[in-house]
PDB file of N, CA and C in Angstrom:
ATOM      1  N   UNK A   1       0.816  -1.189   0.000  1.00  0.00           N
ATOM      2  CA  UNK A   1       0.000   0.000   0.000  1.00  0.00           C
ATOM      3  C   UNK A   1       0.861   1.255   0.000  1.00  0.00           C
ATOM      4  N   UNK A   2       1.944   1.260   0.754  1.00  0.00           N
ATOM      5  CA  UNK A   2       2.804   2.429   0.834  1.00  0.00           C
ATOM      6  C   UNK A   2       3.410   2.762  -0.520  1.00  0.00           C
ATOM      7  N   UNK A   3       3.933   1.743  -1.234  1.00  0.00           N
ATOM      8  CA  UNK A   3       4.532   1.980  -2.548  1.00  0.00           C
ATOM      9  C   UNK A   3       3.501   2.541  -3.515  1.00  0.00           C
ATOM     10  N   UNK A   4       2.313   1.993  -3.490  1.00  0.00           N
ATOM     11  CA  UNK A   4       1.251   2.446  -4.391  1.00  0.00           C
ATOM     12  C   UNK A   4       0.907   3.907  -4.094  1.00  0.00           C
ATOM     13  N   UNK A   5       0.802   4.251  -2.824  1.00  0.00           N
ATOM     14  CA  UNK A   5       0.478   5.625  -2.432  1.00  0.00           C
ATOM     15  C   UNK A   5       1.588   6.589  -2.827  1.00  0.00           C
ATOM     16  N   UNK A   6       2.841   6.228  -2.512  1.00  0.00           N
ATOM     17  CA  UNK A   6       3.966   7.106  -2.846  1.00  0.00           C
ATOM     18  C   UNK A   6       4.076   7.333  -4.347  1.00  0.00           C
ATOM     19  N   UNK A   7       3.795   6.305  -5.117  1.00  0.00           N
ATOM     20  CA  UNK A   7       3.908   6.411  -6.571  1.00  0.00           C
ATOM     21  C   UNK A   7       2.873   7.359  -7.167  1.00  0.00           C
ATOM     22  N   UNK A   8       1.796   7.634  -6.456  1.00  0.00           N
ATOM     23  CA  UNK A   8       0.746   8.505  -6.990  1.00  0.00           C
ATOM     24  C   UNK A   8       0.901   9.966  -6.584  1.00  0.00           C
ATOM     25  N   UNK A   9       1.821  10.250  -5.684  1.00  0.00           N
ATOM     26  CA  UNK A   9       1.993  11.624  -5.202  1.00  0.00           C
ATOM     27  C   UNK A   9       2.691  12.479  -6.254  1.00  0.00           C
ATOM     28  N   UNK A  10       2.139  13.638  -6.508  1.00  0.00           N
ATOM     29  CA  UNK A  10       2.751  14.609  -7.403  1.00  0.00           C
ATOM     30  C   UNK A  10       2.888  15.921  -6.650  1.00  0.00           C
ATOM     31  N   UNK A  11       4.118  16.348  -6.488  1.00  0.00           N
ATOM     32  CA  UNK A  11       4.399  17.604  -5.787  1.00  0.00           C
ATOM     33  C   UNK A  11       5.150  18.496  -6.754  1.00  0.00           C
ATOM     34  N   UNK A  12       4.652  19.678  -6.972  1.00  0.00           N
ATOM     35  CA  UNK A  12       5.272  20.605  -7.905  1.00  0.00           C
ATOM     36  C   UNK A  12       5.984  21.716  -7.154  1.00  0.00           C
ATOM     37  N   UNK A  13       7.110  22.138  -7.706  1.00  0.00           N
ATOM     38  CA  UNK A  13       7.807  23.288  -7.162  1.00  0.00           C
ATOM     39  C   UNK A  13       8.891  22.967  -6.150  1.00  0.00           C
ATOM     40  N   UNK A  14       8.892  21.774  -5.585  1.00  0.00           N
ATOM     41  CA  UNK A  14       9.942  21.388  -4.636  1.00  0.00           C
ATOM     42  C   UNK A  14      10.437  19.990  -4.986  1.00  0.00           C
ATOM     43  N   UNK A  15      11.695  19.744  -4.685  1.00  0.00           N
ATOM     44  CA  UNK A  15      12.242  18.418  -4.914  1.00  0.00           C
ATOM     45  C   UNK A  15      11.861  17.519  -3.746  1.00  0.00           C
ATOM     46  N   UNK A  16      11.609  16.255  -4.040  1.00  0.00           N
ATOM     47  CA  UNK A  16      11.261  15.284  -3.002  1.00  0.00           C
ATOM     48  C   UNK A  16      12.203  14.089  -3.109  1.00  0.00           C
ATOM     49  N   UNK A  17      12.149  13.229  -2.118  1.00  0.00           N
ATOM     50  CA  UNK A  17      12.931  11.998  -2.154  1.00  0.00           C
ATOM     51  C   UNK A  17      12.030  10.783  -2.405  1.00  0.00           C
ATOM     52  N   UNK A  18      10.865  11.017  -2.984  1.00  0.00           N
ATOM     53  CA  UNK A  18       9.922   9.925  -3.234  1.00  0.00           C
ATOM     54  C   UNK A  18      10.538   8.822  -4.100  1.00  0.00           C
ATOM     55  N   UNK A  19      11.259   9.143  -5.182  1.00  0.00           N
ATOM     56  CA  UNK A  19      11.872   8.059  -5.957  1.00  0.00           C
ATOM     57  C   UNK A  19      12.836   7.223  -5.105  1.00  0.00           C
ATOM     58  N   UNK A  20      13.573   7.869  -4.239  1.00  0.00           N
ATOM     59  CA  UNK A  20      14.477   7.162  -3.331  1.00  0.00           C
ATOM     60  C   UNK A  20      13.695   6.247  -2.384  1.00  0.00           C
ATOM     61  N   UNK A  21      12.614   6.760  -1.812  1.00  0.00           N
ATOM     62  CA  UNK A  21      11.804   5.959  -0.893  1.00  0.00           C
ATOM     63  C   UNK A  21      11.202   4.745  -1.595  1.00  0.00           C
ATOM     64  N   UNK A  22      10.736   4.936  -2.820  1.00  0.00           N
ATOM     65  CA  UNK A  22      10.190   3.809  -3.585  1.00  0.00           C
ATOM     66  C   UNK A  22      11.258   2.761  -3.836  1.00  0.00           C
ATOM     67  N   UNK A  23      12.479   3.208  -4.110  1.00  0.00           N
ATOM     68  CA  UNK A  23      13.591   2.290  -4.324  1.00  0.00           C
ATOM     69  C   UNK A  23      13.918   1.522  -3.044  1.00  0.00           C
ATOM     70  N   UNK A  24      13.961   2.229  -1.923  1.00  0.00           N
ATOM     71  CA  UNK A  24      14.235   1.591  -0.630  1.00  0.00           C
ATOM     72  C   UNK A  24      13.182   0.529  -0.314  1.00  0.00           C
ATOM     73  N   UNK A  25      11.933   0.830  -0.608  1.00  0.00           N
ATOM     74  CA  UNK A  25      10.848  -0.103  -0.312  1.00  0.00           C
ATOM     75  C   UNK A  25      10.891  -1.371  -1.157  1.00  0.00           C
ATOM     76  N   UNK A  26      11.802  -1.404  -2.127  1.00  0.00           N
ATOM     77  CA  UNK A  26      11.971  -2.591  -2.951  1.00  0.00           C
ATOM     78  C   UNK A  26      13.287  -3.313  -2.657  1.00  0.00           C
ATOM     79  N   UNK A  27      14.090  -2.753  -1.763  1.00  0.00           N
ATOM     80  CA  UNK A  27      15.391  -3.340  -1.458  1.00  0.00           C
ATOM     81  C   UNK A  27      15.241  -4.588  -0.590  1.00  0.00           C
ATOM     82  N   UNK A  28      15.903  -5.661  -1.003  1.00  0.00           N
ATOM     83  CA  UNK A  28      15.767  -6.947  -0.316  1.00  0.00           C
ATOM     84  C   UNK A  28      16.226  -6.882   1.148  1.00  0.00           C
ATOM     85  N   UNK A  29      17.341  -6.209   1.411  1.00  0.00           N
ATOM     86  CA  UNK A  29      17.843  -6.101   2.785  1.00  0.00           C
ATOM     87  C   UNK A  29      16.827  -5.362   3.652  1.00  0.00           C
ATOM     88  N   UNK A  30      16.276  -4.282   3.131  1.00  0.00           N
ATOM     89  CA  UNK A  30      15.286  -3.511   3.873  1.00  0.00           C
ATOM     90  C   UNK A  30      14.032  -4.340   4.133  1.00  0.00           C
ATOM     91  N   UNK A  31      13.540  -4.987   3.089  1.00  0.00           N
ATOM     92  CA  UNK A  31      12.319  -5.784   3.221  1.00  0.00           C
ATOM     93  C   UNK A  31      12.483  -6.964   4.176  1.00  0.00           C
ATOM     94  N   UNK A  32      13.685  -7.528   4.213  1.00  0.00           N
ATOM     95  CA  UNK A  32      13.953  -8.657   5.116  1.00  0.00           C
ATOM     96  C   UNK A  32      14.228  -8.205   6.549  1.00  0.00           C
ATOM     97  N   UNK A  33      14.323  -6.876   6.756  1.00  0.00           N
ATOM     98  CA  UNK A  33      14.581  -6.352   8.098  1.00  0.00           C
ATOM     99  C   UNK A  33      16.004  -6.600   8.568  1.00  0.00           C
ATOM    100  N   UNK A  34      16.930  -6.776   7.618  1.00  0.00           N
ATOM    101  CA  UNK A  34      18.319  -7.089   7.965  1.00  0.00           C
ATOM    102  C   UNK A  34      19.224  -5.859   7.908  1.00  0.00           C
ATOM    103  N   UNK A  35      18.641  -4.695   8.042  1.00  0.00           N
ATOM    104  CA  UNK A  35      19.418  -3.472   7.971  1.00  0.00           C
ATOM    105  C   UNK A  35      19.880  -3.033   9.358  1.00  0.00           C
ATOM    106  N   UNK A  36      20.919  -2.208   9.378  1.00  0.00           N
ATOM    107  CA  UNK A  36      21.446  -1.641  10.622  1.00  0.00           C
ATOM    108  C   UNK A  36      21.403  -0.128  10.511  1.00  0.00           C
ATOM    109  N   UNK A  37      21.876   0.550  11.527  1.00  0.00           N
ATOM    110  CA  UNK A  37      21.900   2.010  11.467  1.00  0.00           C
ATOM    111  C   UNK A  37      22.880   2.502  10.399  1.00  0.00           C
ATOM    112  N   UNK A  38      23.815   1.686  10.011  1.00  0.00           N
ATOM    113  CA  UNK A  38      24.776   2.038   8.960  1.00  0.00           C
ATOM    114  C   UNK A  38      24.213   1.733   7.569  1.00  0.00           C
ATOM    115  N   UNK A  39      23.119   1.032   7.492  1.00  0.00           N
ATOM    116  CA  UNK A  39      22.573   0.572   6.219  1.00  0.00           C
ATOM    117  C   UNK A  39      22.295   1.703   5.237  1.00  0.00           C
ATOM    118  N   UNK A  40      21.733   2.805   5.685  1.00  0.00           N
ATOM    119  CA  UNK A  40      21.357   3.884   4.774  1.00  0.00           C
ATOM    120  C   UNK A  40      22.583   4.447   4.061  1.00  0.00           C
ATOM    121  N   UNK A  41      23.702   4.605   4.777  1.00  0.00           N
ATOM    122  CA  UNK A  41      24.930   5.081   4.136  1.00  0.00           C
ATOM    123  C   UNK A  41      25.451   4.071   3.130  1.00  0.00           C
ATOM    124  N   UNK A  42      25.452   2.807   3.510  1.00  0.00           N
ATOM    125  CA  UNK A  42      25.893   1.757   2.592  1.00  0.00           C
ATOM    126  C   UNK A  42      24.989   1.703   1.365  1.00  0.00           C
ATOM    127  N   UNK A  43      23.697   1.848   1.589  1.00  0.00           N
ATOM    128  CA  UNK A  43      22.725   1.810   0.501  1.00  0.00           C
ATOM    129  C   UNK A  43      22.960   2.966  -0.465  1.00  0.00           C
ATOM    130  N   UNK A  44      23.158   4.158   0.069  1.00  0.00           N
ATOM    131  CA  UNK A  44      23.399   5.323  -0.776  1.00  0.00           C
ATOM    132  C   UNK A  44      24.689   5.155  -1.578  1.00  0.00           C
ATOM    133  N   UNK A  45      25.723   4.612  -0.957  1.00  0.00           N
ATOM    134  CA  UNK A  45      26.980   4.389  -1.671  1.00  0.00           C
ATOM    135  C   UNK A  45      26.801   3.357  -2.777  1.00  0.00           C
ATOM    136  N   UNK A  46      26.016   2.336  -2.512  1.00  0.00           N
ATOM    137  CA  UNK A  46      25.762   1.292  -3.501  1.00  0.00           C
ATOM    138  C   UNK A  46      24.953   1.831  -4.675  1.00  0.00           C
ATOM    139  N   UNK A  47      23.958   2.637  -4.401  1.00  0.00           N
ATOM    140  CA  UNK A  47      23.043   3.140  -5.431  1.00  0.00           C
ATOM    141  C   UNK A  47      23.468   4.474  -6.010  1.00  0.00           C
ATOM    142  N   UNK A  48      24.382   5.160  -5.379  1.00  0.00           N
ATOM    143  CA  UNK A  48      24.740   6.511  -5.818  1.00  0.00           C
ATOM    144  C   UNK A  48      23.957   7.531  -5.027  1.00  0.00           C
ATOM    145  N   UNK A  49      24.012   8.741  -5.450  1.00  0.00           N
ATOM    146  CA  UNK A  49      23.317   9.821  -4.740  1.00  0.00           C
ATOM    147  C   UNK A  49      21.825   9.585  -4.732  1.00  0.00           C
ATOM    148  N   UNK A  50      21.161  10.162  -3.743  1.00  0.00           N
ATOM    149  CA  UNK A  50      19.700  10.104  -3.680  1.00  0.00           C
ATOM    150  C   UNK A  50      19.146  10.816  -4.907  1.00  0.00           C
ATOM    151  N   UNK A  51      18.226  10.143  -5.587  1.00  0.00           N
ATOM    152  CA  UNK A  51      17.577  10.730  -6.743  1.00  0.00           C
ATOM    153  C   UNK A  51      16.362  11.509  -6.261  1.00  0.00           C
ATOM    154  N   UNK A  52      16.307  12.765  -6.627  1.00  0.00           N
ATOM    155  CA  UNK A  52      15.171  13.602  -6.232  1.00  0.00           C
ATOM    156  C   UNK A  52      14.205  13.732  -7.392  1.00  0.00           C
ATOM    157  N   UNK A  53      12.937  13.788  -7.069  1.00  0.00           N
ATOM    158  CA  UNK A  53      11.908  14.002  -8.074  1.00  0.00           C
ATOM    159  C   UNK A  53      11.183  15.287  -7.784  1.00  0.00           C
ATOM    160  N   UNK A  54      10.179  15.559  -8.539  1.00  0.00           N
ATOM    161  CA  UNK A  54       9.360  16.765  -8.305  1.00  0.00           C
ATOM    162  C   UNK A  54       7.957  16.360  -7.956  1.00  0.00           C
TER     163      UNK A  54
END
């Protein structure tokens, strides 16, 4: 439900991290609950910079 809701949001005039959040919600480590407090940094390094949308 969260992915479906996030995918329908349209915000104009400001950058958002919705594409990043949608990507995170599909990550196997995240979905399996095997992440740590260091996971977000490792994830960003693996995927590159956070992609912002509008």
